Amino acid sequence: MKYRTIEGDRLDLIAHKHYKSLKGTVEFLLKHNPGLADHGPVLPSGVLIELPEVAIQSTPVRVTLWS
């Protein structure tokens, strides 16, 4: 998916809105959009950002109710 910024957009807010999380998503977007960090923390309008799908890796959680 692609997203074109509007004046005042911030990458962290875009990541949170699209991925519903901030855990590693900003870094993920910077990795997949070379040169994006050159714009600074507040993005100008018209910047095209690729929002690739994230493969969700689930780790089984073992819960012990009684010891």
N, C-alpha and C. Protein backbone atom coordinates (compact mmCIF):
# COMPACT_ATOMS: atom_id res chain seq x y z
N MET A 1 0.85 -1.17 0.00
CA MET A 1 0.00 0.00 0.00
C MET A 1 0.89 1.23 0.00
N LYS A 2 0.44 2.27 -0.64
CA LYS A 2 1.19 3.52 -0.67
C LYS A 2 0.38 4.61 0.02
N TYR A 3 1.10 5.54 0.64
CA TYR A 3 0.46 6.65 1.33
C TYR A 3 1.17 7.93 0.91
N ARG A 4 0.41 8.94 0.50
CA ARG A 4 0.98 10.24 0.16
C ARG A 4 0.71 11.19 1.31
N THR A 5 1.78 11.79 1.83
CA THR A 5 1.67 12.62 3.03
C THR A 5 0.93 13.92 2.75
N ILE A 6 0.37 14.45 3.82
CA ILE A 6 -0.17 15.80 3.80
C ILE A 6 0.71 16.63 4.73
N GLU A 7 0.67 17.92 4.59
CA GLU A 7 1.51 18.82 5.38
C GLU A 7 1.35 18.53 6.87
N GLY A 8 2.48 18.31 7.54
CA GLY A 8 2.48 18.10 8.98
C GLY A 8 2.42 16.65 9.42
N ASP A 9 2.30 15.72 8.47
CA ASP A 9 2.31 14.30 8.84
C ASP A 9 3.62 13.93 9.53
N ARG A 10 3.52 12.98 10.46
CA ARG A 10 4.71 12.45 11.13
C ARG A 10 4.72 10.94 10.92
N LEU A 11 5.90 10.38 10.72
CA LEU A 11 6.01 8.97 10.42
C LEU A 11 5.49 8.09 11.55
N ASP A 12 5.73 8.49 12.79
CA ASP A 12 5.23 7.68 13.91
C ASP A 12 3.71 7.61 13.93
N LEU A 13 3.06 8.71 13.59
CA LEU A 13 1.59 8.70 13.56
C LEU A 13 1.06 7.88 12.39
N ILE A 14 1.73 7.96 11.25
CA ILE A 14 1.34 7.15 10.09
C ILE A 14 1.50 5.67 10.42
N ALA A 15 2.63 5.31 11.04
CA ALA A 15 2.89 3.92 11.40
C ALA A 15 1.84 3.42 12.40
N HIS A 16 1.53 4.22 13.38
CA HIS A 16 0.54 3.81 14.40
C HIS A 16 -0.84 3.64 13.77
N LYS A 17 -1.21 4.54 12.90
CA LYS A 17 -2.52 4.48 12.26
C LYS A 17 -2.63 3.25 11.35
N HIS A 18 -1.58 2.98 10.59
CA HIS A 18 -1.64 1.87 9.62
C HIS A 18 -1.43 0.51 10.27
N TYR A 19 -0.43 0.40 11.15
CA TYR A 19 -0.07 -0.89 11.73
C TYR A 19 -0.68 -1.13 13.11
N LYS A 20 -1.32 -0.13 13.68
CA LYS A 20 -1.94 -0.23 15.01
C LYS A 20 -0.90 -0.51 16.10
N SER A 21 0.34 -0.13 15.84
CA SER A 21 1.41 -0.35 16.79
C SER A 21 2.58 0.55 16.44
N LEU A 22 3.42 0.82 17.41
CA LEU A 22 4.65 1.57 17.15
C LEU A 22 5.88 0.69 17.34
N LYS A 23 5.68 -0.51 17.88
CA LYS A 23 6.80 -1.38 18.19
C LYS A 23 7.55 -1.80 16.92
N GLY A 24 8.61 -1.09 16.61
CA GLY A 24 9.46 -1.41 15.47
C GLY A 24 8.92 -0.98 14.12
N THR A 25 7.73 -0.39 14.07
CA THR A 25 7.14 -0.06 12.78
C THR A 25 7.78 1.17 12.13
N VAL A 26 8.20 2.13 12.91
CA VAL A 26 8.87 3.31 12.34
C VAL A 26 10.18 2.88 11.69
N GLU A 27 10.94 2.07 12.38
CA GLU A 27 12.20 1.57 11.83
C GLU A 27 11.95 0.73 10.59
N PHE A 28 10.89 -0.06 10.60
CA PHE A 28 10.50 -0.89 9.46
C PHE A 28 10.21 -0.01 8.25
N LEU A 29 9.46 1.08 8.46
CA LEU A 29 9.14 1.98 7.36
C LEU A 29 10.38 2.71 6.84
N LEU A 30 11.27 3.10 7.74
CA LEU A 30 12.50 3.77 7.31
C LEU A 30 13.36 2.82 6.49
N LYS A 31 13.38 1.56 6.87
CA LYS A 31 14.16 0.56 6.13
C LYS A 31 13.60 0.37 4.71
N HIS A 32 12.29 0.39 4.57
CA HIS A 32 11.65 0.15 3.28
C HIS A 32 11.44 1.41 2.45
N ASN A 33 11.80 2.56 2.99
CA ASN A 33 11.66 3.82 2.27
C ASN A 33 12.95 4.62 2.39
N PRO A 34 13.98 4.23 1.63
CA PRO A 34 15.27 4.93 1.70
C PRO A 34 15.10 6.43 1.42
N GLY A 35 15.78 7.24 2.22
CA GLY A 35 15.72 8.69 2.06
C GLY A 35 14.59 9.37 2.80
N LEU A 36 13.69 8.59 3.37
CA LEU A 36 12.55 9.17 4.08
C LEU A 36 12.99 9.97 5.30
N ALA A 37 14.01 9.50 5.99
CA ALA A 37 14.50 10.20 7.19
C ALA A 37 15.08 11.56 6.85
N ASP A 38 15.48 11.78 5.61
CA ASP A 38 16.05 13.07 5.20
C ASP A 38 15.05 14.22 5.31
N HIS A 39 13.76 13.89 5.36
CA HIS A 39 12.72 14.92 5.46
C HIS A 39 12.57 15.47 6.87
N GLY A 40 13.12 14.76 7.85
CA GLY A 40 12.98 15.20 9.24
C GLY A 40 11.75 14.61 9.88
N PRO A 41 11.49 15.01 11.13
CA PRO A 41 10.38 14.41 11.88
C PRO A 41 8.99 14.80 11.38
N VAL A 42 8.85 16.00 10.83
CA VAL A 42 7.57 16.45 10.29
C VAL A 42 7.70 16.43 8.77
N LEU A 43 6.89 15.60 8.14
CA LEU A 43 7.01 15.40 6.69
C LEU A 43 6.26 16.47 5.90
N PRO A 44 6.83 16.88 4.77
CA PRO A 44 6.12 17.82 3.90
C PRO A 44 5.01 17.09 3.14
N SER A 45 4.13 17.82 2.52
CA SER A 45 3.07 17.17 1.75
C SER A 45 3.64 16.60 0.46
N GLY A 46 3.02 15.53 0.00
CA GLY A 46 3.37 14.94 -1.28
C GLY A 46 4.41 13.85 -1.27
N VAL A 47 4.92 13.48 -0.09
CA VAL A 47 5.93 12.41 -0.02
C VAL A 47 5.19 11.08 -0.11
N LEU A 48 5.63 10.22 -1.04
CA LEU A 48 5.00 8.92 -1.22
C LEU A 48 5.73 7.90 -0.36
N ILE A 49 4.98 7.24 0.53
CA ILE A 49 5.54 6.27 1.46
C ILE A 49 4.96 4.90 1.15
N GLU A 50 5.84 3.92 1.01
CA GLU A 50 5.41 2.53 0.83
C GLU A 50 5.13 1.96 2.21
N LEU A 51 3.93 1.37 2.38
CA LEU A 51 3.53 0.75 3.64
C LEU A 51 3.39 -0.75 3.41
N PRO A 52 4.52 -1.48 3.45
CA PRO A 52 4.46 -2.92 3.18
C PRO A 52 3.76 -3.67 4.30
N GLU A 53 3.25 -4.83 3.93
CA GLU A 53 2.62 -5.70 4.92
C GLU A 53 3.68 -6.23 5.88
N VAL A 54 3.30 -6.40 7.11
CA VAL A 54 4.20 -6.93 8.13
C VAL A 54 3.76 -8.35 8.44
N ALA A 55 4.69 -9.28 8.37
CA ALA A 55 4.40 -10.65 8.75
C ALA A 55 4.37 -10.73 10.27
N ILE A 56 3.27 -11.14 10.80
CA ILE A 56 3.12 -11.23 12.25
C ILE A 56 3.65 -12.58 12.70
N GLN A 57 4.61 -12.53 13.60
CA GLN A 57 5.18 -13.75 14.15
C GLN A 57 4.64 -13.91 15.57
N SER A 58 3.90 -14.97 15.74
CA SER A 58 3.38 -15.18 17.09
C SER A 58 4.22 -16.24 17.79
N THR A 59 4.53 -15.94 19.01
CA THR A 59 5.28 -16.87 19.85
C THR A 59 4.31 -17.43 20.88
N PRO A 60 4.21 -18.74 20.96
CA PRO A 60 3.29 -19.31 21.95
C PRO A 60 3.69 -18.86 23.36
N VAL A 61 2.70 -18.55 24.13
CA VAL A 61 2.92 -18.13 25.51
C VAL A 61 2.40 -19.22 26.43
N ARG A 62 3.25 -19.62 27.35
CA ARG A 62 2.85 -20.65 28.31
C ARG A 62 2.54 -19.96 29.63
N VAL A 63 1.34 -20.15 30.07
CA VAL A 63 0.89 -19.53 31.31
C VAL A 63 0.64 -20.64 32.33
N THR A 64 1.22 -20.50 33.52
CA THR A 64 1.00 -21.44 34.60
C THR A 64 0.13 -20.75 35.65
N LEU A 65 -1.04 -21.32 35.89
CA LEU A 65 -1.94 -20.71 36.85
C LEU A 65 -1.62 -21.09 38.29
N TRP A 66 -1.11 -22.31 38.47
CA TRP A 66 -0.75 -22.76 39.81
C TRP A 66 0.67 -23.27 39.81
N SER A 67 1.35 -23.04 40.91
CA SER A 67 2.73 -23.55 40.98
C SER A 67 2.83 -24.78 41.82
